[in-house]
């Protein structure tokens, strides 16, 4: 595609579509457990930033640049789920309604789709961003089957995530 707005529009619509598809897999087992959020915890919600962004960047050709991986696409792939994770964790302390998580997701993926062409953070450290992107994927697989029993990895509706009950 010749124009950057067209690339952004295609990438953004792909992210939204893939994110909605993953939301339909909510509560699924197996591969769905790795790809789709199982509950409204910050770690689980960050999956909606990683997997749809990975699919959209791959389908829109954002990774290709002269036969090598474009660094700005890797930066976006790492920072988008990190932003969703941190903002969701911050907002979860306020006990908000579900709409704030949706707005957080929309803002983060919009910025990610927009910055995928030219990211100001990117320098010559392309390999570190590739390692971090692969590490995100590995952590999603590991924590899907062996989740840590601490703060942002817990289901906010579960009793374990609430304050200890005094005797």
N, C-alpha and C. Protein backbone atom coordinates (compact mmCIF):
# COMPACT_ATOMS: atom_id res chain seq x y z
N UNK A 1 0.84 -1.17 0.00
CA UNK A 1 0.00 0.00 0.00
C UNK A 1 0.89 1.24 0.00
N UNK A 2 0.49 2.21 -0.77
CA UNK A 2 1.32 3.38 -0.98
C UNK A 2 1.22 4.39 0.15
N UNK A 3 0.05 4.60 0.68
CA UNK A 3 -0.15 5.67 1.65
C UNK A 3 -0.16 5.11 3.06
N UNK A 4 0.49 5.86 3.97
CA UNK A 4 0.60 5.37 5.35
C UNK A 4 -0.75 5.34 6.05
N UNK A 5 -1.68 6.25 5.70
CA UNK A 5 -2.99 6.20 6.34
C UNK A 5 -3.73 4.93 5.97
N UNK A 6 -3.59 4.50 4.73
CA UNK A 6 -4.23 3.25 4.30
C UNK A 6 -3.66 2.07 5.07
N UNK A 7 -2.35 2.05 5.26
CA UNK A 7 -1.73 0.97 6.04
C UNK A 7 -2.23 1.00 7.49
N UNK A 8 -2.30 2.21 8.06
CA UNK A 8 -2.83 2.34 9.42
C UNK A 8 -4.27 1.84 9.50
N UNK A 9 -5.11 2.23 8.55
CA UNK A 9 -6.52 1.85 8.58
C UNK A 9 -6.68 0.34 8.48
N UNK A 10 -5.94 -0.27 7.57
CA UNK A 10 -6.02 -1.73 7.43
C UNK A 10 -5.52 -2.41 8.69
N UNK A 11 -4.40 -1.95 9.22
CA UNK A 11 -3.83 -2.55 10.43
C UNK A 11 -4.78 -2.37 11.61
N UNK A 12 -5.37 -1.19 11.75
CA UNK A 12 -6.28 -0.92 12.87
C UNK A 12 -7.53 -1.80 12.78
N UNK A 13 -8.11 -1.90 11.60
CA UNK A 13 -9.29 -2.75 11.44
C UNK A 13 -8.96 -4.22 11.68
N UNK A 14 -7.77 -4.65 11.28
CA UNK A 14 -7.34 -6.03 11.54
C UNK A 14 -7.20 -6.27 13.04
N UNK A 15 -6.60 -5.32 13.75
CA UNK A 15 -6.44 -5.47 15.20
C UNK A 15 -7.80 -5.57 15.88
N UNK A 16 -8.72 -4.68 15.51
CA UNK A 16 -10.06 -4.70 16.11
C UNK A 16 -10.78 -6.00 15.79
N UNK A 17 -10.72 -6.44 14.55
CA UNK A 17 -11.39 -7.68 14.16
C UNK A 17 -10.82 -8.89 14.85
N UNK A 18 -9.49 -8.99 14.88
CA UNK A 18 -8.85 -10.13 15.55
C UNK A 18 -9.11 -10.10 17.06
N UNK A 19 -9.13 -8.91 17.63
CA UNK A 19 -9.43 -8.79 19.07
C UNK A 19 -10.84 -9.26 19.39
N UNK A 20 -11.80 -8.91 18.53
CA UNK A 20 -13.18 -9.35 18.75
C UNK A 20 -13.32 -10.85 18.56
N UNK A 21 -12.58 -11.40 17.62
CA UNK A 21 -12.60 -12.86 17.43
C UNK A 21 -12.04 -13.55 18.68
N UNK A 22 -10.96 -13.01 19.22
CA UNK A 22 -10.39 -13.60 20.43
C UNK A 22 -11.33 -13.48 21.63
N UNK A 23 -12.09 -12.40 21.69
CA UNK A 23 -13.06 -12.27 22.78
C UNK A 23 -14.14 -13.34 22.72
N UNK A 24 -14.45 -13.82 21.52
CA UNK A 24 -15.44 -14.90 21.42
C UNK A 24 -14.89 -16.22 21.94
N UNK A 25 -13.56 -16.34 22.03
CA UNK A 25 -12.93 -17.55 22.58
C UNK A 25 -12.77 -17.49 24.09
N UNK A 26 -13.35 -16.48 24.70
CA UNK A 26 -13.27 -16.30 26.16
C UNK A 26 -13.66 -17.58 26.89
N UNK A 27 -12.80 -18.06 27.74
CA UNK A 27 -13.08 -19.25 28.53
C UNK A 27 -12.80 -20.56 27.82
N UNK A 28 -12.28 -20.51 26.60
CA UNK A 28 -11.97 -21.74 25.87
C UNK A 28 -10.72 -22.39 26.44
N UNK A 29 -10.59 -23.67 26.24
CA UNK A 29 -9.41 -24.39 26.70
C UNK A 29 -8.40 -24.56 25.59
N UNK A 30 -7.30 -25.20 25.88
CA UNK A 30 -6.27 -25.48 24.89
C UNK A 30 -5.63 -24.22 24.36
N UNK A 31 -5.60 -24.09 23.03
CA UNK A 31 -4.99 -22.93 22.39
C UNK A 31 -5.75 -21.64 22.72
N UNK A 32 -7.06 -21.76 22.90
CA UNK A 32 -7.86 -20.60 23.28
C UNK A 32 -7.44 -20.03 24.63
N UNK A 33 -6.93 -20.88 25.49
CA UNK A 33 -6.46 -20.44 26.80
C UNK A 33 -5.22 -19.57 26.68
N UNK A 34 -4.41 -19.84 25.67
CA UNK A 34 -3.21 -19.05 25.43
C UNK A 34 -3.54 -17.74 24.72
N UNK A 35 -4.46 -17.79 23.76
CA UNK A 35 -4.73 -16.63 22.91
C UNK A 35 -5.76 -15.66 23.47
N UNK A 36 -6.77 -16.17 24.13
CA UNK A 36 -7.90 -15.33 24.55
C UNK A 36 -7.87 -15.10 26.05
N UNK A 37 -8.34 -13.93 26.49
CA UNK A 37 -8.41 -13.68 27.93
C UNK A 37 -9.43 -14.61 28.59
N UNK A 38 -9.05 -15.17 29.72
CA UNK A 38 -9.92 -16.08 30.44
C UNK A 38 -10.79 -15.35 31.46
N UNK A 39 -10.32 -14.21 31.91
CA UNK A 39 -11.07 -13.36 32.85
C UNK A 39 -10.55 -11.94 32.71
N UNK A 40 -11.06 -11.02 33.49
CA UNK A 40 -10.75 -9.60 33.33
C UNK A 40 -9.57 -9.14 34.17
N UNK A 41 -8.56 -9.98 34.31
CA UNK A 41 -7.34 -9.59 35.00
C UNK A 41 -6.40 -8.85 34.06
N UNK A 42 -5.50 -8.03 34.59
CA UNK A 42 -4.60 -7.26 33.74
C UNK A 42 -3.75 -8.12 32.80
N UNK A 43 -3.22 -9.23 33.29
CA UNK A 43 -2.40 -10.09 32.42
C UNK A 43 -3.23 -10.68 31.30
N UNK A 44 -4.41 -11.13 31.62
CA UNK A 44 -5.27 -11.74 30.61
C UNK A 44 -5.72 -10.71 29.58
N UNK A 45 -6.01 -9.49 30.01
CA UNK A 45 -6.44 -8.45 29.08
C UNK A 45 -5.31 -8.01 28.15
N UNK A 46 -4.06 -8.15 28.60
CA UNK A 46 -2.95 -7.77 27.74
C UNK A 46 -2.81 -8.70 26.54
N UNK A 47 -3.42 -9.88 26.60
CA UNK A 47 -3.42 -10.77 25.44
C UNK A 47 -4.13 -10.13 24.26
N UNK A 48 -5.09 -9.25 24.54
CA UNK A 48 -5.80 -8.55 23.47
C UNK A 48 -4.94 -7.47 22.81
N UNK A 49 -3.81 -7.19 23.39
CA UNK A 49 -2.87 -6.28 22.77
C UNK A 49 -1.80 -6.99 21.99
N UNK A 50 -1.44 -8.20 22.44
CA UNK A 50 -0.33 -8.91 21.79
C UNK A 50 -0.78 -9.70 20.56
N UNK A 51 -1.68 -10.64 20.76
CA UNK A 51 -2.03 -11.55 19.66
C UNK A 51 -2.72 -10.85 18.49
N UNK A 52 -3.71 -9.97 18.72
CA UNK A 52 -4.29 -9.26 17.57
C UNK A 52 -3.27 -8.34 16.88
N UNK A 53 -2.40 -7.71 17.67
CA UNK A 53 -1.38 -6.84 17.06
C UNK A 53 -0.39 -7.67 16.25
N UNK A 54 -0.01 -8.82 16.75
CA UNK A 54 0.88 -9.71 16.00
C UNK A 54 0.25 -10.12 14.68
N UNK A 55 -1.02 -10.52 14.73
CA UNK A 55 -1.71 -10.92 13.51
C UNK A 55 -1.86 -9.77 12.53
N UNK A 56 -2.22 -8.59 13.02
CA UNK A 56 -2.41 -7.43 12.15
C UNK A 56 -1.10 -6.98 11.53
N UNK A 57 -0.03 -6.98 12.32
CA UNK A 57 1.26 -6.59 11.77
C UNK A 57 1.75 -7.58 10.73
N UNK A 58 1.52 -8.85 10.98
CA UNK A 58 1.94 -9.88 10.01
C UNK A 58 1.11 -9.80 8.74
N UNK A 59 -0.20 -9.65 8.88
CA UNK A 59 -1.08 -9.62 7.70
C UNK A 59 -0.93 -8.34 6.88
N UNK A 60 -0.58 -7.24 7.52
CA UNK A 60 -0.44 -5.98 6.79
C UNK A 60 0.97 -5.77 6.25
N UNK A 61 1.86 -6.68 6.52
CA UNK A 61 3.23 -6.57 6.00
C UNK A 61 4.10 -5.58 6.74
N UNK A 62 3.78 -5.26 7.97
CA UNK A 62 4.56 -4.28 8.73
C UNK A 62 5.91 -4.83 9.17
N UNK A 63 6.08 -6.14 9.18
CA UNK A 63 7.35 -6.71 9.61
C UNK A 63 8.40 -6.70 8.50
N UNK A 64 7.98 -6.59 7.27
CA UNK A 64 8.91 -6.70 6.15
C UNK A 64 9.50 -5.33 5.80
N UNK A 65 10.81 -5.31 5.72
CA UNK A 65 11.51 -4.10 5.27
C UNK A 65 12.82 -4.53 4.64
N UNK A 66 12.81 -4.66 3.36
CA UNK A 66 14.03 -5.05 2.66
C UNK A 66 14.55 -6.42 3.05
N UNK A 67 13.66 -7.37 3.31
CA UNK A 67 14.08 -8.71 3.65
C UNK A 67 14.43 -8.92 5.10
N UNK A 68 14.26 -7.91 5.93
CA UNK A 68 14.53 -8.08 7.36
C UNK A 68 13.35 -7.55 8.17
N UNK A 69 13.37 -7.82 9.45
CA UNK A 69 12.26 -7.44 10.32
C UNK A 69 12.37 -5.96 10.64
N UNK A 70 11.26 -5.25 10.51
CA UNK A 70 11.22 -3.83 10.83
C UNK A 70 11.17 -3.65 12.34
N UNK A 71 12.08 -2.85 12.86
CA UNK A 71 12.20 -2.65 14.30
C UNK A 71 10.97 -1.97 14.89
N UNK A 72 10.38 -1.01 14.18
CA UNK A 72 9.25 -0.28 14.74
C UNK A 72 8.05 -1.20 14.97
N UNK A 73 7.88 -2.21 14.13
CA UNK A 73 6.79 -3.17 14.34
C UNK A 73 7.04 -4.00 15.59
N UNK A 74 8.29 -4.35 15.84
CA UNK A 74 8.61 -5.12 17.05
C UNK A 74 8.44 -4.28 18.31
N UNK A 75 8.80 -3.01 18.23
CA UNK A 75 8.62 -2.12 19.38
C UNK A 75 7.14 -2.02 19.74
N UNK A 76 6.31 -1.86 18.73
CA UNK A 76 4.86 -1.77 18.95
C UNK A 76 4.33 -3.08 19.51
N UNK A 77 4.83 -4.20 19.00
CA UNK A 77 4.38 -5.50 19.47
C UNK A 77 4.74 -5.73 20.94
N UNK A 78 5.81 -5.15 21.40
CA UNK A 78 6.22 -5.30 22.80
C UNK A 78 5.51 -4.28 23.70
N UNK A 79 5.43 -3.03 23.25
CA UNK A 79 4.92 -1.97 24.12
C UNK A 79 3.40 -1.92 24.23
N UNK A 80 2.68 -2.37 23.21
CA UNK A 80 1.21 -2.33 23.27
C UNK A 80 0.66 -3.22 24.38
N UNK A 81 1.03 -4.51 24.46
CA UNK A 81 0.50 -5.30 25.58
C UNK A 81 1.05 -4.84 26.93
N UNK A 82 2.27 -4.31 26.94
CA UNK A 82 2.82 -3.80 28.20
C UNK A 82 1.99 -2.62 28.71
N UNK A 83 1.60 -1.73 27.81
CA UNK A 83 0.77 -0.58 28.20
C UNK A 83 -0.60 -1.04 28.67
N UNK A 84 -1.19 -1.98 27.96
CA UNK A 84 -2.51 -2.50 28.37
C UNK A 84 -2.41 -3.15 29.74
N UNK A 85 -1.36 -3.94 29.95
CA UNK A 85 -1.15 -4.62 31.23
C UNK A 85 -1.01 -3.61 32.37
N UNK A 86 -0.14 -2.63 32.19
CA UNK A 86 0.11 -1.66 33.27
C UNK A 86 -1.10 -0.77 33.54
N UNK A 87 -1.76 -0.30 32.50
CA UNK A 87 -2.94 0.54 32.70
C UNK A 87 -4.09 -0.24 33.31
N UNK A 88 -4.29 -1.48 32.89
CA UNK A 88 -5.35 -2.30 33.47
C UNK A 88 -5.06 -2.60 34.93
N UNK A 89 -3.80 -2.82 35.25
CA UNK A 89 -3.42 -3.08 36.64
C UNK A 89 -3.66 -1.83 37.48
N UNK A 90 -3.34 -0.68 36.93
CA UNK A 90 -3.57 0.58 37.63
C UNK A 90 -5.06 0.81 37.85
N UNK A 91 -5.86 0.60 36.81
CA UNK A 91 -7.30 0.83 36.92
C UNK A 91 -7.98 -0.22 37.79
N UNK A 92 -7.44 -1.42 37.87
CA UNK A 92 -8.08 -2.47 38.67
C UNK A 92 -8.08 -2.11 40.15
N UNK A 93 -7.14 -1.29 40.58
CA UNK A 93 -7.12 -0.85 41.98
C UNK A 93 -8.30 0.06 42.29
N UNK A 94 -8.85 0.70 41.26
CA UNK A 94 -9.99 1.60 41.44
C UNK A 94 -11.33 0.89 41.36
N UNK A 95 -11.32 -0.39 41.05
CA UNK A 95 -12.51 -1.22 40.90
C UNK A 95 -13.50 -0.58 39.91
N UNK A 96 -13.05 -0.38 38.64
CA UNK A 96 -13.91 0.30 37.66
C UNK A 96 -14.91 -0.63 37.01
N UNK A 97 -15.77 -0.05 36.21
CA UNK A 97 -16.67 -0.82 35.36
C UNK A 97 -15.86 -1.34 34.18
N UNK A 98 -16.44 -2.27 33.43
CA UNK A 98 -15.74 -2.88 32.31
C UNK A 98 -15.41 -1.93 31.18
N UNK A 99 -16.13 -0.83 31.07
CA UNK A 99 -15.91 0.10 29.98
C UNK A 99 -14.53 0.72 29.97
N UNK A 100 -13.93 0.92 31.14
CA UNK A 100 -12.60 1.52 31.19
C UNK A 100 -11.56 0.59 30.58
N UNK A 101 -11.76 -0.71 30.70
CA UNK A 101 -10.83 -1.66 30.09
C UNK A 101 -10.96 -1.63 28.57
N UNK A 102 -12.17 -1.47 28.09
CA UNK A 102 -12.39 -1.37 26.64
C UNK A 102 -11.74 -0.11 26.08
N UNK A 103 -11.91 1.01 26.76
CA UNK A 103 -11.30 2.26 26.32
C UNK A 103 -9.77 2.15 26.35
N UNK A 104 -9.24 1.53 27.39
CA UNK A 104 -7.79 1.32 27.49
C UNK A 104 -7.29 0.51 26.31
N UNK A 105 -7.99 -0.57 25.99
CA UNK A 105 -7.60 -1.41 24.87
C UNK A 105 -7.64 -0.63 23.56
N UNK A 106 -8.72 0.11 23.34
CA UNK A 106 -8.86 0.88 22.09
C UNK A 106 -7.77 1.94 21.95
N UNK A 107 -7.47 2.65 23.01
CA UNK A 107 -6.44 3.68 22.94
C UNK A 107 -5.07 3.06 22.67
N UNK A 108 -4.75 1.98 23.36
CA UNK A 108 -3.44 1.35 23.20
C UNK A 108 -3.26 0.75 21.81
N UNK A 109 -4.26 0.05 21.30
CA UNK A 109 -4.10 -0.54 19.97
C UNK A 109 -4.14 0.53 18.88
N UNK A 110 -4.85 1.63 19.11
CA UNK A 110 -4.84 2.73 18.14
C UNK A 110 -3.44 3.33 18.04
N UNK A 111 -2.85 3.61 19.18
CA UNK A 111 -1.48 4.14 19.18
C UNK A 111 -0.50 3.14 18.59
N UNK A 112 -0.68 1.87 18.92
CA UNK A 112 0.20 0.85 18.38
C UNK A 112 0.11 0.74 16.87
N UNK A 113 -1.10 0.75 16.35
CA UNK A 113 -1.29 0.66 14.90
C UNK A 113 -0.73 1.90 14.21
N UNK A 114 -0.84 3.06 14.86
CA UNK A 114 -0.33 4.29 14.27
C UNK A 114 1.20 4.35 14.29
N UNK A 115 1.81 3.83 15.35
CA UNK A 115 3.26 3.91 15.48
C UNK A 115 4.00 2.76 14.81
N UNK A 116 3.29 1.82 14.25
CA UNK A 116 3.95 0.65 13.65
C UNK A 116 4.79 1.02 12.44
N UNK A 117 4.50 2.13 11.79
CA UNK A 117 5.30 2.56 10.63
C UNK A 117 6.61 3.20 11.08
N UNK A 118 6.49 4.15 11.98
CA UNK A 118 7.67 4.87 12.46
C UNK A 118 7.55 5.04 13.96
N UNK A 119 8.37 4.34 14.66
CA UNK A 119 8.34 4.43 16.12
C UNK A 119 9.55 5.23 16.60
N UNK A 120 9.35 6.28 17.39
CA UNK A 120 10.49 7.09 17.83
C UNK A 120 11.41 6.36 18.80
N UNK A 121 10.96 5.28 19.42
CA UNK A 121 11.78 4.54 20.38
C UNK A 121 12.82 3.69 19.67
N UNK A 122 12.52 3.30 18.46
CA UNK A 122 13.36 2.34 17.74
C UNK A 122 14.70 2.95 17.37
N UNK A 123 15.72 2.19 17.58
CA UNK A 123 17.07 2.58 17.16
C UNK A 123 17.70 1.43 16.41
N UNK A 124 18.90 1.13 16.75
CA UNK A 124 19.59 0.03 16.10
C UNK A 124 19.53 -1.24 16.95
N UNK A 125 18.74 -1.24 18.00
CA UNK A 125 18.64 -2.39 18.88
C UNK A 125 17.50 -3.30 18.46
N UNK A 126 17.41 -3.66 17.21
CA UNK A 126 16.32 -4.49 16.71
C UNK A 126 16.28 -5.87 17.34
N UNK A 127 17.44 -6.42 17.66
CA UNK A 127 17.47 -7.78 18.20
C UNK A 127 16.87 -7.85 19.60
N UNK A 128 17.05 -6.80 20.40
CA UNK A 128 16.47 -6.83 21.75
C UNK A 128 14.96 -6.80 21.69
N UNK A 129 14.40 -6.07 20.72
CA UNK A 129 12.95 -6.01 20.58
C UNK A 129 12.40 -7.35 20.11
N UNK A 130 13.16 -8.05 19.27
CA UNK A 130 12.74 -9.38 18.83
C UNK A 130 12.74 -10.35 20.00
N UNK A 131 13.76 -10.28 20.84
CA UNK A 131 13.82 -11.14 22.02
C UNK A 131 12.67 -10.85 22.96
N UNK A 132 12.36 -9.57 23.16
CA UNK A 132 11.25 -9.21 24.04
C UNK A 132 9.90 -9.65 23.48
N UNK A 133 9.73 -9.55 22.17
CA UNK A 133 8.47 -9.99 21.54
C UNK A 133 8.30 -11.49 21.69
N UNK A 134 9.36 -12.25 21.51
CA UNK A 134 9.29 -13.71 21.69
C UNK A 134 9.07 -14.05 23.16
N UNK A 135 9.67 -13.26 24.05
CA UNK A 135 9.48 -13.49 25.49
C UNK A 135 8.02 -13.29 25.89
N UNK A 136 7.34 -12.27 25.33
CA UNK A 136 5.91 -12.06 25.61
C UNK A 136 5.13 -13.32 25.23
N UNK A 137 5.39 -13.83 24.03
CA UNK A 137 4.66 -15.02 23.56
C UNK A 137 4.94 -16.21 24.48
N UNK A 138 6.19 -16.39 24.87
CA UNK A 138 6.54 -17.51 25.75
C UNK A 138 5.86 -17.37 27.11
N UNK A 139 5.81 -16.15 27.64
CA UNK A 139 5.14 -15.94 28.92
C UNK A 139 3.64 -16.19 28.84
N UNK A 140 3.03 -15.81 27.71
CA UNK A 140 1.61 -16.09 27.56
C UNK A 140 1.34 -17.59 27.56
N UNK A 141 2.21 -18.36 26.93
CA UNK A 141 2.03 -19.81 26.90
C UNK A 141 2.25 -20.40 28.29
N UNK A 142 3.33 -19.99 28.95
CA UNK A 142 3.64 -20.55 30.27
C UNK A 142 2.58 -20.17 31.29
N UNK A 143 2.22 -18.88 31.33
CA UNK A 143 1.26 -18.43 32.35
C UNK A 143 -0.18 -18.85 32.06
N UNK A 144 -0.45 -19.30 30.85
CA UNK A 144 -1.79 -19.81 30.55
C UNK A 144 -2.03 -21.12 31.29
N UNK A 145 -0.98 -21.91 31.44
CA UNK A 145 -1.14 -23.22 32.08
C UNK A 145 -0.61 -23.25 33.51
N UNK A 146 0.32 -22.35 33.83
CA UNK A 146 0.88 -22.28 35.18
C UNK A 146 0.88 -20.82 35.66
N UNK A 147 -0.31 -20.27 35.93
CA UNK A 147 -0.36 -18.85 36.32
C UNK A 147 0.17 -18.63 37.73
N UNK A 148 0.94 -17.56 37.92
CA UNK A 148 1.39 -17.24 39.28
C UNK A 148 0.19 -16.77 40.11
N UNK A 149 0.23 -17.02 41.38
CA UNK A 149 -0.87 -16.66 42.26
C UNK A 149 -0.61 -15.32 42.94
N UNK A 150 -0.32 -14.31 42.13
CA UNK A 150 -0.08 -12.97 42.66
C UNK A 150 -0.87 -11.94 41.87
N UNK A 151 -1.11 -10.81 42.47
CA UNK A 151 -1.83 -9.65 41.97
C UNK A 151 -2.39 -9.65 40.57
N UNK A 152 -1.64 -9.19 39.57
CA UNK A 152 -2.22 -8.97 38.25
C UNK A 152 -2.54 -10.25 37.48
N UNK A 153 -2.14 -11.38 37.99
CA UNK A 153 -2.40 -12.65 37.30
C UNK A 153 -3.65 -13.35 37.82
N UNK A 154 -4.25 -12.80 38.88
CA UNK A 154 -5.43 -13.41 39.49
C UNK A 154 -6.71 -12.85 38.88
N UNK A 155 -7.74 -13.67 38.95
CA UNK A 155 -9.07 -13.24 38.53
C UNK A 155 -9.60 -12.26 39.58
N UNK A 156 -9.93 -11.03 39.19
CA UNK A 156 -10.40 -10.06 40.18
C UNK A 156 -11.68 -10.49 40.89
N UNK A 157 -12.45 -11.37 40.28
CA UNK A 157 -13.69 -11.81 40.89
C UNK A 157 -13.48 -12.97 41.85
N UNK A 158 -12.30 -13.58 41.86
CA UNK A 158 -12.03 -14.72 42.72
C UNK A 158 -11.69 -14.25 44.14
N UNK A 159 -11.93 -15.10 45.09
CA UNK A 159 -11.68 -14.78 46.49
C UNK A 159 -10.20 -14.60 46.77
N UNK A 160 -9.33 -15.28 46.03
CA UNK A 160 -7.90 -15.17 46.26
C UNK A 160 -7.37 -13.79 45.91
N UNK A 161 -8.04 -13.08 45.02
CA UNK A 161 -7.60 -11.75 44.62
C UNK A 161 -8.05 -10.68 45.60
N UNK A 162 -9.02 -11.00 46.44
CA UNK A 162 -9.53 -10.02 47.40
C UNK A 162 -8.62 -9.99 48.63
N UNK A 163 -8.84 -9.01 49.45
CA UNK A 163 -8.06 -8.89 50.69
C UNK A 163 -8.34 -10.09 51.59
N UNK A 164 -7.37 -10.48 52.39
CA UNK A 164 -7.58 -11.60 53.32
C UNK A 164 -8.75 -11.33 54.26
N UNK A 165 -9.49 -12.34 54.51
CA UNK A 165 -10.64 -12.22 55.40
C UNK A 165 -10.14 -12.37 56.84
N UNK A 166 -10.38 -11.36 57.69
CA UNK A 166 -9.88 -11.46 59.07
C UNK A 166 -10.71 -12.49 59.85
N UNK A 167 -10.05 -13.16 60.78
CA UNK A 167 -10.72 -14.16 61.60
C UNK A 167 -11.38 -13.52 62.79
